[in-house]
Amino acid sequence: MSTQIYLLTGFLGSGKTTLLQNMLGSLREKDGEVVILMNEMGEEDIDGEQLQGFGFPVKKMLDGCICCSIRGELTEGLKEILSSFQPDKILIETTGVADPIDVVDGLTHPELYDKIQLKGIVSVVDASRFLDLNSRFQSTASLVKTIRNQVRYADLLLVNKTDLTAPNILAKVKDKLRELNSQAPLLETIRSEVDLEVIFSVKRISPPSREEQTPTVAVQKSIGRLSPMDKIKQSLGLKTSSPSLYNSIETFAYHFTGKVDGEKFEDFLYDLPKNVYRAKGYVLFHGKEELISFQHTDNQVLMFPFENFGPKMVAVFIGEGMDQEKIIRDLEKCYAG
């Protein structure tokens, strides 16, 4: 019997890891072997630390995106998981800049073809930021393309952070999602809370339905042969040979050398420029003993105590065209005197 694959996608900070945590909490009471495969941008693992303690095997793929730069490692990683654990299910959480079509291509390796079955692509959408991210006036072309493909090729859409979204904005978001993908079920969520059986009952949407709903766009004709990846994209109605968002995304890590002032650090996170799409990590506050886990998107900062002192005190930043030196200078002003 084939191992079932569930692909969790969505842009940076949308709530994928929170969804995965919720799923693992429910899976503790279920039978069957489940393995997690996580992809992180950069060399430091932040989100993976949040999954420790759930009791499930976790394989991490760092410093690259499984849709492009380390796609070959996806195949090898899956082969290793299948050989070591013989799992019933594998939950794959992609990095937030992954194009799901390219990830699906990585799942079609001949050595995996009869061993795995992609049950569905679940895309988490941050309703509070989607309209801005989807706007060509406020986002780069590669970002918009990735955001739209994460929606267009989903089999289930979770419209997350509805508690942070005004009703009129939420209505516009849902209209745009339906324009991009009229086939996938659409569920509103807060903190990615959804019944586990809803995820596991997701059904793949047939390719013809996707092609029918894909808007017709002018495609520049190229001279010469198409690569195998371009042929797949062309068959799905996608543009070929266009730059991926991963190619323009950069990431860097900063290692703390001491405790920081909590209020200054929170202000620092809120003041990060818009081209910093995501910041996350672990820090110690002056006057506090517990480690603090922090998460940042352009309109939200979350901080909570973290009991596991295994993680390093580190901050990871993900974005485009970031002024790394200025960010570090501003961050170092947060150290407690």
Protein backbone atom coordinates (compact mmCIF):
# COMPACT_ATOMS: atom_id res chain seq x y z
CA MET A 1 0.00 0.00 0.00
CA SER A 2 1.33 3.46 -0.95
CA THR A 3 2.33 5.99 1.71
CA GLN A 4 -0.04 8.95 1.74
CA ILE A 5 1.55 12.38 1.22
CA TYR A 6 -0.05 15.60 2.46
CA LEU A 7 1.59 18.80 1.25
CA LEU A 8 1.18 21.88 3.47
CA THR A 9 1.92 25.12 1.63
CA GLY A 10 1.32 28.84 2.06
CA PHE A 11 3.36 32.01 2.22
CA LEU A 12 5.78 32.92 5.02
CA GLY A 13 3.97 33.45 8.31
CA SER A 14 0.59 32.22 7.10
CA GLY A 15 0.26 29.58 9.83
CA LYS A 16 1.61 26.34 8.33
CA THR A 17 3.66 25.33 11.37
CA THR A 18 0.74 26.12 13.66
CA LEU A 19 -1.45 23.90 11.47
CA LEU A 20 1.13 21.14 11.70
CA GLN A 21 1.28 21.46 15.50
CA ASN A 22 -2.51 21.23 15.69
CA MET A 23 -2.48 18.15 13.48
CA LEU A 24 0.20 16.41 15.53
CA GLY A 25 -1.70 17.10 18.73
CA SER A 26 -4.70 15.25 17.29
CA LEU A 27 -2.59 12.49 15.73
CA ARG A 28 -1.30 11.40 19.13
CA GLU A 29 -4.59 9.55 19.57
CA LYS A 30 -4.55 7.91 16.13
CA ASP A 31 -3.04 4.64 14.98
CA GLY A 32 -0.46 4.46 12.22
CA GLU A 33 3.06 5.75 11.64
CA VAL A 34 3.36 9.42 10.70
CA VAL A 35 6.58 11.20 9.69
CA ILE A 36 7.10 14.95 9.28
CA LEU A 37 9.33 16.45 6.59
CA MET A 38 10.06 20.17 7.11
CA ASN A 39 11.80 22.57 4.76
CA GLU A 40 13.39 25.73 6.22
CA MET A 41 15.05 28.69 4.53
CA GLY A 42 18.55 29.28 5.85
CA GLU A 43 20.90 27.15 7.91
CA GLU A 44 19.12 27.60 11.25
CA ASP A 45 16.11 25.47 12.16
CA ILE A 46 13.46 27.48 14.02
CA ASP A 47 10.05 25.98 13.26
CA GLY A 48 11.29 22.41 13.69
CA GLU A 49 12.05 23.07 17.34
CA GLN A 50 8.34 23.76 17.90
CA LEU A 51 7.54 20.15 16.98
CA GLN A 52 9.78 18.53 19.55
CA GLY A 53 7.83 16.64 22.18
CA PHE A 54 5.00 15.46 19.94
CA GLY A 55 6.69 12.07 19.59
CA PHE A 56 6.79 11.91 15.78
CA PRO A 57 9.90 11.49 13.61
CA VAL A 58 10.88 14.79 12.00
CA LYS A 59 13.24 15.09 9.03
CA LYS A 60 14.52 18.59 8.35
CA MET A 61 15.77 19.99 5.05
CA LEU A 62 17.60 23.27 5.63
CA ASP A 63 19.28 26.04 3.64
CA GLY A 64 17.28 25.78 0.45
CA CYS A 65 13.86 25.27 -1.06
CA ILE A 66 12.62 21.80 -2.01
CA CYS A 67 10.92 23.26 -5.08
CA CYS A 68 14.22 24.18 -6.70
CA SER A 69 17.69 24.34 -5.14
CA ILE A 70 17.44 21.15 -3.07
CA ARG A 71 14.73 19.30 -4.99
CA GLY A 72 17.03 16.30 -5.37
CA GLU A 73 17.30 16.09 -1.59
CA LEU A 74 13.51 15.78 -1.42
CA THR A 75 13.66 12.55 -3.39
CA GLU A 76 16.50 11.18 -1.28
CA GLY A 77 14.82 12.32 1.93
CA LEU A 78 11.58 10.55 1.04
CA LYS A 79 13.45 7.39 0.08
CA GLU A 80 15.20 7.44 3.46
CA ILE A 81 11.92 7.99 5.32
CA LEU A 82 10.18 5.17 3.45
CA SER A 83 13.07 2.79 4.14
CA SER A 84 13.52 3.68 7.82
CA PHE A 85 9.93 4.09 9.03
CA GLN A 86 7.51 2.55 6.47
CA PRO A 87 5.04 5.30 7.42
CA ASP A 88 1.34 5.38 6.64
CA LYS A 89 1.46 9.14 6.14
CA ILE A 90 4.10 11.80 5.47
CA LEU A 91 3.28 15.42 6.20
CA ILE A 92 5.46 17.81 4.17
CA GLU A 93 5.64 21.45 5.25
CA THR A 94 7.26 23.51 2.51
CA THR A 95 9.10 26.75 2.98
CA GLY A 96 6.83 29.75 2.46
CA VAL A 97 8.36 30.64 -0.91
CA ALA A 98 7.89 27.22 -2.50
CA ASP A 99 5.81 26.86 -5.65
CA PRO A 100 3.63 23.76 -5.09
CA ILE A 101 3.84 22.76 -8.76
CA ASP A 102 7.62 22.43 -8.52
CA VAL A 103 7.29 20.43 -5.28
CA VAL A 104 4.81 18.05 -6.92
CA ASP A 105 7.35 17.57 -9.71
CA GLY A 106 9.85 16.50 -7.06
CA LEU A 107 7.39 13.85 -5.85
CA THR A 108 7.17 12.19 -9.27
CA HIS A 109 10.61 10.60 -9.29
CA PRO A 110 10.50 7.11 -10.88
CA GLU A 111 11.88 5.52 -7.71
CA LEU A 112 8.96 6.95 -5.71
CA TYR A 113 6.15 6.58 -8.23
CA ASP A 114 4.61 3.35 -6.90
CA LYS A 115 5.53 3.98 -3.25
CA ILE A 116 3.77 7.26 -2.49
CA GLN A 117 0.41 8.85 -3.23
CA LEU A 118 -0.15 12.60 -3.05
CA LYS A 119 -3.49 12.86 -1.25
CA GLY A 120 -3.78 16.62 -1.39
CA ILE A 121 -2.25 20.09 -1.27
CA VAL A 122 -3.44 22.16 1.69
CA SER A 123 -2.71 25.87 1.34
CA VAL A 124 -2.85 28.21 4.33
CA VAL A 125 -3.71 31.80 3.41
CA ASP A 126 -3.07 34.75 5.75
CA ALA A 127 -6.30 36.69 5.16
CA SER A 128 -4.92 39.78 6.90
CA ARG A 129 -2.08 40.13 4.33
CA PHE A 130 -3.29 38.35 1.20
CA LEU A 131 -4.57 41.37 -0.73
CA ASP A 132 -1.32 43.30 -0.22
CA LEU A 133 0.84 40.31 -1.11
CA ASN A 134 -1.26 39.59 -4.18
CA SER A 135 -1.03 43.18 -5.43
CA ARG A 136 1.43 43.74 -8.27
CA PHE A 137 1.86 47.32 -7.06
CA GLN A 138 3.07 46.27 -3.62
CA SER A 139 4.83 42.98 -4.40
CA THR A 140 7.39 41.71 -6.87
CA ALA A 141 6.23 39.69 -9.88
CA SER A 142 7.86 36.50 -8.58
CA LEU A 143 6.18 36.90 -5.17
CA VAL A 144 2.77 37.41 -6.76
CA LYS A 145 3.26 34.37 -9.00
CA THR A 146 4.17 32.18 -6.02
CA ILE A 147 1.29 33.46 -3.87
CA ARG A 148 -1.20 32.80 -6.65
CA ASN A 149 0.12 29.33 -7.45
CA GLN A 150 -0.10 28.37 -3.78
CA VAL A 151 -3.80 29.19 -4.05
CA ARG A 152 -4.50 28.08 -7.61
CA TYR A 153 -3.17 24.54 -7.18
CA ALA A 154 -4.50 23.87 -3.69
CA ASP A 155 -7.00 21.09 -3.01
CA LEU A 156 -8.07 22.72 0.28
CA LEU A 157 -7.81 26.40 1.19
CA LEU A 158 -7.58 27.45 4.84
CA VAL A 159 -8.31 31.18 5.14
CA ASN A 160 -6.39 31.83 8.34
CA LYS A 161 -6.13 34.75 10.79
CA THR A 162 -9.72 35.78 10.19
CA ASP A 163 -9.73 37.29 13.69
CA LEU A 164 -7.18 39.85 12.44
CA THR A 165 -9.15 40.68 9.28
CA ALA A 166 -11.98 43.17 8.92
CA PRO A 167 -15.20 41.62 7.51
CA ASN A 168 -15.11 43.71 4.30
CA ILE A 169 -11.48 42.75 3.69
CA LEU A 170 -12.22 39.09 4.36
CA ALA A 171 -15.02 39.18 1.79
CA LYS A 172 -12.61 40.59 -0.81
CA VAL A 173 -10.03 37.95 0.05
CA LYS A 174 -12.54 35.13 -0.41
CA ASP A 175 -13.70 36.60 -3.73
CA LYS A 176 -10.10 36.70 -4.98
CA LEU A 177 -9.43 33.16 -3.78
CA ARG A 178 -12.53 31.93 -5.60
CA GLU A 179 -11.35 33.75 -8.72
CA LEU A 180 -8.02 31.94 -8.54
CA ASN A 181 -9.42 28.58 -7.42
CA SER A 182 -13.13 27.88 -7.71
CA GLN A 183 -12.80 24.15 -7.04
CA ALA A 184 -11.08 23.76 -3.66
CA PRO A 185 -13.14 23.81 -0.43
CA LEU A 186 -12.56 27.04 1.48
CA LEU A 187 -12.53 27.09 5.30
CA GLU A 188 -12.11 30.10 7.59
CA THR A 189 -9.76 29.47 10.51
CA ILE A 190 -8.19 31.17 13.53
CA ARG A 191 -4.69 29.96 14.47
CA SER A 192 -5.06 27.26 11.81
CA GLU A 193 -7.56 25.29 13.89
CA VAL A 194 -9.36 22.72 11.73
CA ASP A 195 -10.62 19.19 12.30
CA LEU A 196 -7.98 16.60 11.45
CA GLU A 197 -10.43 14.54 9.40
CA VAL A 198 -11.04 17.55 7.14
CA ILE A 199 -7.35 17.52 6.24
CA PHE A 200 -7.14 13.77 5.76
CA SER A 201 -10.28 13.64 3.64
CA VAL A 202 -8.94 16.20 1.16
CA LYS A 203 -9.28 15.08 -2.46
CA ARG A 204 -7.11 15.97 -5.42
CA ILE A 205 -8.71 18.27 -7.98
CA SER A 206 -8.37 16.92 -11.51
CA PRO A 207 -5.98 18.77 -13.83
CA PRO A 208 -8.69 19.61 -16.43
CA SER A 209 -10.63 21.58 -13.80
CA ARG A 210 -7.50 23.55 -12.95
CA GLU A 211 -6.79 24.33 -16.59
CA GLU A 212 -10.33 25.60 -17.11
CA GLN A 213 -10.06 28.02 -14.21
CA THR A 214 -6.59 29.30 -15.11
CA PRO A 215 -6.84 32.77 -16.70
CA THR A 216 -5.57 33.02 -20.24
CA VAL A 217 -2.32 34.98 -20.34
CA ALA A 218 0.01 35.95 -23.14
CA VAL A 219 3.01 33.63 -23.09
CA GLN A 220 6.27 34.73 -24.65
CA LYS A 221 7.46 32.09 -27.11
CA SER A 222 10.99 30.84 -26.64
CA ILE A 223 13.35 29.42 -29.22
CA GLY A 224 14.78 25.95 -28.70
CA ARG A 225 13.76 22.91 -26.66
CA LEU A 226 11.86 23.15 -23.42
CA SER A 227 13.34 21.63 -20.29
CA PRO A 228 11.37 18.78 -18.65
CA MET A 229 10.25 21.20 -15.90
CA ASP A 230 9.11 23.77 -18.48
CA LYS A 231 7.13 21.07 -20.31
CA ILE A 232 5.27 20.25 -17.09
CA LYS A 233 4.59 23.93 -16.44
CA GLN A 234 3.42 24.45 -20.01
CA SER A 235 1.01 21.49 -19.75
CA LEU A 236 -0.47 23.13 -16.64
CA GLY A 237 -0.91 26.48 -18.33
CA LEU A 238 1.96 28.14 -16.46
CA LYS A 239 4.60 30.44 -17.86
CA THR A 240 7.93 28.77 -18.56
CA SER A 241 11.46 29.86 -17.69
CA SER A 242 10.28 32.59 -15.34
CA PRO A 243 12.38 33.31 -12.22
CA SER A 244 11.17 31.67 -9.03
CA LEU A 245 10.59 33.61 -5.83
CA TYR A 246 13.25 31.50 -4.13
CA ASN A 247 15.89 32.99 -6.43
CA SER A 248 15.15 36.50 -5.14
CA ILE A 249 14.61 35.61 -1.47
CA GLU A 250 17.49 35.98 0.95
CA THR A 251 17.91 34.94 4.54
CA PHE A 252 20.39 35.58 7.32
CA ALA A 253 20.75 34.64 10.97
CA TYR A 254 21.87 36.72 13.94
CA HIS A 255 23.15 35.00 17.10
CA PHE A 256 22.42 36.87 20.33
CA THR A 257 25.32 37.43 22.73
CA GLY A 258 23.23 38.34 25.77
CA LYS A 259 19.80 39.28 27.10
CA VAL A 260 17.72 41.98 25.42
CA ASP A 261 15.20 44.52 26.66
CA GLY A 262 11.76 43.04 25.96
CA GLU A 263 10.01 46.31 25.08
CA LYS A 264 12.81 47.50 22.80
CA PHE A 265 12.90 44.14 21.05
CA GLU A 266 9.14 44.13 20.45
CA ASP A 267 9.35 47.67 19.02
CA PHE A 268 12.24 46.53 16.82
CA LEU A 269 10.13 43.72 15.37
CA TYR A 270 7.17 45.98 14.65
CA ASP A 271 9.48 48.52 12.98
CA LEU A 272 11.06 46.03 10.56
CA PRO A 273 10.62 47.17 6.94
CA LYS A 274 8.03 45.59 4.65
CA ASN A 275 10.66 43.76 2.61
CA VAL A 276 11.36 41.59 5.69
CA TYR A 277 8.64 39.01 5.13
CA ARG A 278 9.43 36.89 8.17
CA ALA A 279 11.50 37.00 11.35
CA LYS A 280 11.59 34.23 13.93
CA GLY A 281 13.80 32.71 16.57
CA TYR A 282 14.59 32.45 20.28
CA VAL A 283 15.75 35.14 22.70
CA LEU A 284 16.23 35.78 26.43
CA PHE A 285 14.70 38.91 27.95
CA HIS A 286 16.38 40.87 30.73
CA GLY A 287 14.81 39.94 34.07
CA LYS A 288 13.29 36.72 32.72
CA GLU A 289 14.54 33.17 33.10
CA GLU A 290 12.54 31.40 30.40
CA LEU A 291 13.53 31.34 26.74
CA ILE A 292 11.17 33.34 24.51
CA SER A 293 10.07 32.10 21.08
CA PHE A 294 9.15 34.95 18.73
CA GLN A 295 7.42 35.08 15.34
CA HIS A 296 7.03 38.15 13.14
CA THR A 297 5.15 39.00 9.96
CA ASP A 298 4.62 42.51 8.65
CA ASN A 299 1.47 43.04 10.73
CA GLN A 300 1.82 40.65 13.65
CA VAL A 301 4.30 39.82 16.41
CA LEU A 302 3.87 36.74 18.60
CA MET A 303 6.04 35.96 21.62
CA PHE A 304 5.61 33.17 24.15
CA PRO A 305 7.74 31.27 26.70
CA PHE A 306 9.47 28.19 25.37
CA GLU A 307 10.37 25.48 27.86
CA ASN A 308 12.94 23.71 25.69
CA PHE A 309 16.35 25.33 26.22
CA GLY A 310 17.89 23.25 23.45
CA PRO A 311 17.48 25.90 20.72
CA LYS A 312 20.16 28.53 20.20
CA MET A 313 19.44 32.17 20.96
CA VAL A 314 19.14 33.24 17.36
CA ALA A 315 17.02 35.41 15.06
CA VAL A 316 16.39 34.45 11.44
CA PHE A 317 15.27 37.03 8.87
CA ILE A 318 13.72 36.22 5.47
CA GLY A 319 12.95 38.78 2.79
CA GLU A 320 13.97 40.53 -0.41
CA GLY A 321 16.58 43.28 -0.72
CA MET A 322 17.10 43.48 3.03
CA ASP A 323 19.61 45.95 4.49
CA GLN A 324 21.29 43.37 6.69
CA GLU A 325 23.74 45.77 8.32
CA LYS A 326 21.01 48.23 9.35
CA ILE A 327 18.79 45.45 10.71
CA ILE A 328 21.69 44.18 12.83
CA ARG A 329 22.53 47.69 14.05
CA ASP A 330 18.93 48.26 15.10
CA LEU A 331 18.77 44.84 16.73
CA GLU A 332 21.93 45.42 18.77
CA LYS A 333 20.35 48.55 20.25
CA CYS A 334 17.93 46.19 22.02
CA TYR A 335 20.54 44.68 24.33
CA ALA A 336 19.88 45.29 28.03
CA GLY A 337 22.33 47.73 29.60
